[in-house]
């Protein structure tokens, strides 16, 4: 997963200040761990790794801070309707390919999808915040497993 240099290289305290957050040790460890995780980790996956560095941390604390990071714009929530919370740090224009079998989520660059709509308002007065396209299909690994 590629990260935005503006997020990746900024000191954590500055990042928190810019997003209206208090920089705590738990949040810093959570953020550092997430930077090392490829793809679109679930809170449970993040928890397993963070617990190695902060044994006393709870899953509820990880969830609370991930939700706070999403609410404040530090993280983006991915595929809100695929059954479990997944988050990412990737700020480059991209969308997602979601395997309908294993639920793996893979980034696809926006330019690889062709021309996308740029409307800021949709029917009924719906104001667009961002476009998030999920391409649903079967990943190569699941296709290979089906053929075996």
Protein backbone atom coordinates (compact mmCIF):
# COMPACT_ATOMS: atom_id res chain seq x y z
CA UNK A 1 0.00 0.00 0.00
CA UNK A 2 1.32 3.42 -0.84
CA UNK A 3 0.97 6.24 1.66
CA UNK A 4 0.73 9.94 1.05
CA UNK A 5 4.11 11.46 1.83
CA UNK A 6 2.36 14.36 3.54
CA UNK A 7 0.87 11.94 6.07
CA UNK A 8 3.68 9.40 6.32
CA UNK A 9 6.57 11.77 7.02
CA UNK A 10 4.85 14.26 9.27
CA UNK A 11 5.57 14.05 13.00
CA UNK A 12 2.69 12.33 14.78
CA UNK A 13 2.09 15.24 17.18
CA UNK A 14 1.74 17.64 14.23
CA UNK A 15 -0.65 15.25 12.47
CA UNK A 16 -2.80 15.05 15.61
CA UNK A 17 -2.78 18.82 16.11
CA UNK A 18 -3.87 19.37 12.50
CA UNK A 19 -6.79 16.98 13.01
CA UNK A 20 -7.85 18.28 16.44
CA UNK A 21 -6.61 15.23 18.34
CA UNK A 22 -4.57 14.84 21.49
CA UNK A 23 -1.36 12.91 20.75
CA UNK A 24 -1.33 9.99 23.18
CA UNK A 25 1.10 7.08 23.40
CA UNK A 26 -1.64 4.58 22.49
CA UNK A 27 -2.68 6.58 19.41
CA UNK A 28 0.91 6.96 18.28
CA UNK A 29 1.57 3.21 18.56
CA UNK A 30 -1.71 2.46 16.78
CA UNK A 31 -0.81 4.84 13.95
CA UNK A 32 2.76 3.54 13.65
CA UNK A 33 1.53 -0.06 13.54
CA UNK A 34 -1.04 0.76 10.88
CA UNK A 35 1.65 2.38 8.71
CA UNK A 36 3.45 -0.99 8.63
CA UNK A 37 0.35 -2.99 7.69
CA UNK A 38 -0.32 -3.65 4.02
CA UNK A 39 -3.76 -3.41 2.52
CA UNK A 40 -6.90 -2.58 4.47
CA UNK A 41 -6.62 -3.98 7.99
CA UNK A 42 -9.55 -4.64 10.28
CA UNK A 43 -9.49 -3.37 13.86
CA UNK A 44 -8.96 -6.96 15.02
CA UNK A 45 -5.84 -7.30 12.85
CA UNK A 46 -4.52 -3.97 14.13
CA UNK A 47 -5.26 -5.01 17.73
CA UNK A 48 -3.16 -8.19 17.44
CA UNK A 49 -0.13 -6.13 16.37
CA UNK A 50 -0.65 -3.21 18.77
CA UNK A 51 -1.05 -5.63 21.71
CA UNK A 52 2.54 -6.81 21.12
CA UNK A 53 3.74 -3.27 21.91
CA UNK A 54 1.09 -2.35 24.50
CA UNK A 55 -0.01 -5.59 26.21
CA UNK A 56 -2.62 -3.84 28.37
CA UNK A 57 -4.53 -2.28 25.44
CA UNK A 58 -8.07 -3.49 24.81
CA UNK A 59 -9.83 -4.20 21.54
CA UNK A 60 -12.40 -1.57 22.54
CA UNK A 61 -9.63 1.07 22.79
CA UNK A 62 -8.33 0.14 19.34
CA UNK A 63 -11.85 0.40 17.87
CA UNK A 64 -12.48 3.73 19.64
CA UNK A 65 -9.27 5.26 18.33
CA UNK A 66 -9.71 3.91 14.79
CA UNK A 67 -13.22 5.40 14.70
CA UNK A 68 -11.82 8.68 16.01
CA UNK A 69 -9.07 8.65 13.33
CA UNK A 70 -11.75 8.08 10.66
CA UNK A 71 -14.01 10.80 12.09
CA UNK A 72 -11.14 13.32 12.10
CA UNK A 73 -9.83 12.40 8.62
CA UNK A 74 -6.57 10.70 9.63
CA UNK A 75 -7.82 7.39 8.18
CA UNK A 76 -10.40 6.55 5.54
CA UNK A 77 -13.07 3.93 6.02
CA UNK A 78 -13.14 1.42 3.20
CA UNK A 79 -16.11 -0.56 1.86
CA UNK A 80 -18.58 0.40 4.53
CA UNK A 81 -21.08 -2.18 3.33
CA UNK A 82 -18.92 -5.31 3.09
CA UNK A 83 -19.54 -6.62 6.58
CA UNK A 84 -16.60 -5.38 8.64
CA UNK A 85 -14.80 -2.12 9.25
CA UNK A 86 -11.67 -1.77 7.13
CA UNK A 87 -9.46 1.31 7.12
CA UNK A 88 -6.51 2.68 5.19
CA UNK A 89 -3.93 5.45 5.14
CA UNK A 90 -3.70 5.66 1.33
CA UNK A 91 -4.64 9.21 0.31
CA UNK A 92 -3.86 8.82 -3.41
CA UNK A 93 -6.92 8.74 -5.74
CA UNK A 94 -7.92 5.08 -5.90
CA UNK A 95 -10.83 2.68 -5.54
CA UNK A 96 -11.15 -0.95 -4.51
CA UNK A 97 -11.50 -4.41 -5.97
CA UNK A 98 -13.38 -6.65 -3.52
CA UNK A 99 -13.30 -10.43 -3.86
CA UNK A 100 -16.81 -11.80 -3.37
CA UNK A 101 -15.33 -15.10 -2.13
CA UNK A 102 -12.56 -14.26 0.36
CA UNK A 103 -13.49 -10.56 0.90
CA UNK A 104 -9.92 -9.41 0.12
CA UNK A 105 -9.74 -5.71 -0.74
CA UNK A 106 -7.14 -4.49 -3.24
CA UNK A 107 -6.48 -0.92 -4.37
CA UNK A 108 -6.99 0.03 -8.01
CA UNK A 109 -5.74 3.40 -9.22
CA UNK A 110 -8.47 5.84 -10.18
CA UNK A 111 -6.90 6.38 -13.61
CA UNK A 112 -7.20 2.63 -14.32
CA UNK A 113 -11.00 2.93 -14.15
CA UNK A 114 -11.24 5.59 -16.83
CA UNK A 115 -13.23 8.82 -16.65
CA UNK A 116 -15.29 9.14 -13.49
CA UNK A 117 -18.12 11.55 -12.67
CA UNK A 118 -17.19 14.87 -11.11
CA UNK A 119 -20.64 16.04 -10.07
CA UNK A 120 -20.73 17.71 -6.67
CA UNK A 121 -24.51 17.44 -6.32
CA UNK A 122 -26.74 14.55 -7.26
CA UNK A 123 -30.53 14.28 -7.55
CA UNK A 124 -32.49 15.04 -4.40
CA UNK A 125 -29.88 17.56 -3.24
CA UNK A 126 -27.37 14.84 -2.29
CA UNK A 127 -23.99 16.54 -1.79
CA UNK A 128 -21.01 14.42 -2.88
CA UNK A 129 -18.08 14.18 -0.44
CA UNK A 130 -16.10 11.67 -2.47
CA UNK A 131 -16.61 8.86 -4.94
CA UNK A 132 -15.75 5.38 -3.71
CA UNK A 133 -16.07 2.66 -6.31
CA UNK A 134 -15.97 -1.01 -5.36
CA UNK A 135 -15.33 -3.41 -8.21
CA UNK A 136 -16.80 -6.72 -7.05
CA UNK A 137 -15.43 -9.95 -8.51
CA UNK A 138 -13.24 -12.96 -7.82
CA UNK A 139 -9.53 -12.48 -7.08
CA UNK A 140 -6.85 -14.50 -8.85
CA UNK A 141 -6.15 -16.66 -5.78
CA UNK A 142 -9.81 -17.68 -5.43
CA UNK A 143 -10.06 -18.35 -9.19
CA UNK A 144 -7.02 -20.60 -8.94
CA UNK A 145 -8.47 -22.43 -5.91
CA UNK A 146 -11.74 -23.02 -7.81
CA UNK A 147 -9.87 -24.56 -10.74
CA UNK A 148 -7.97 -26.95 -8.45
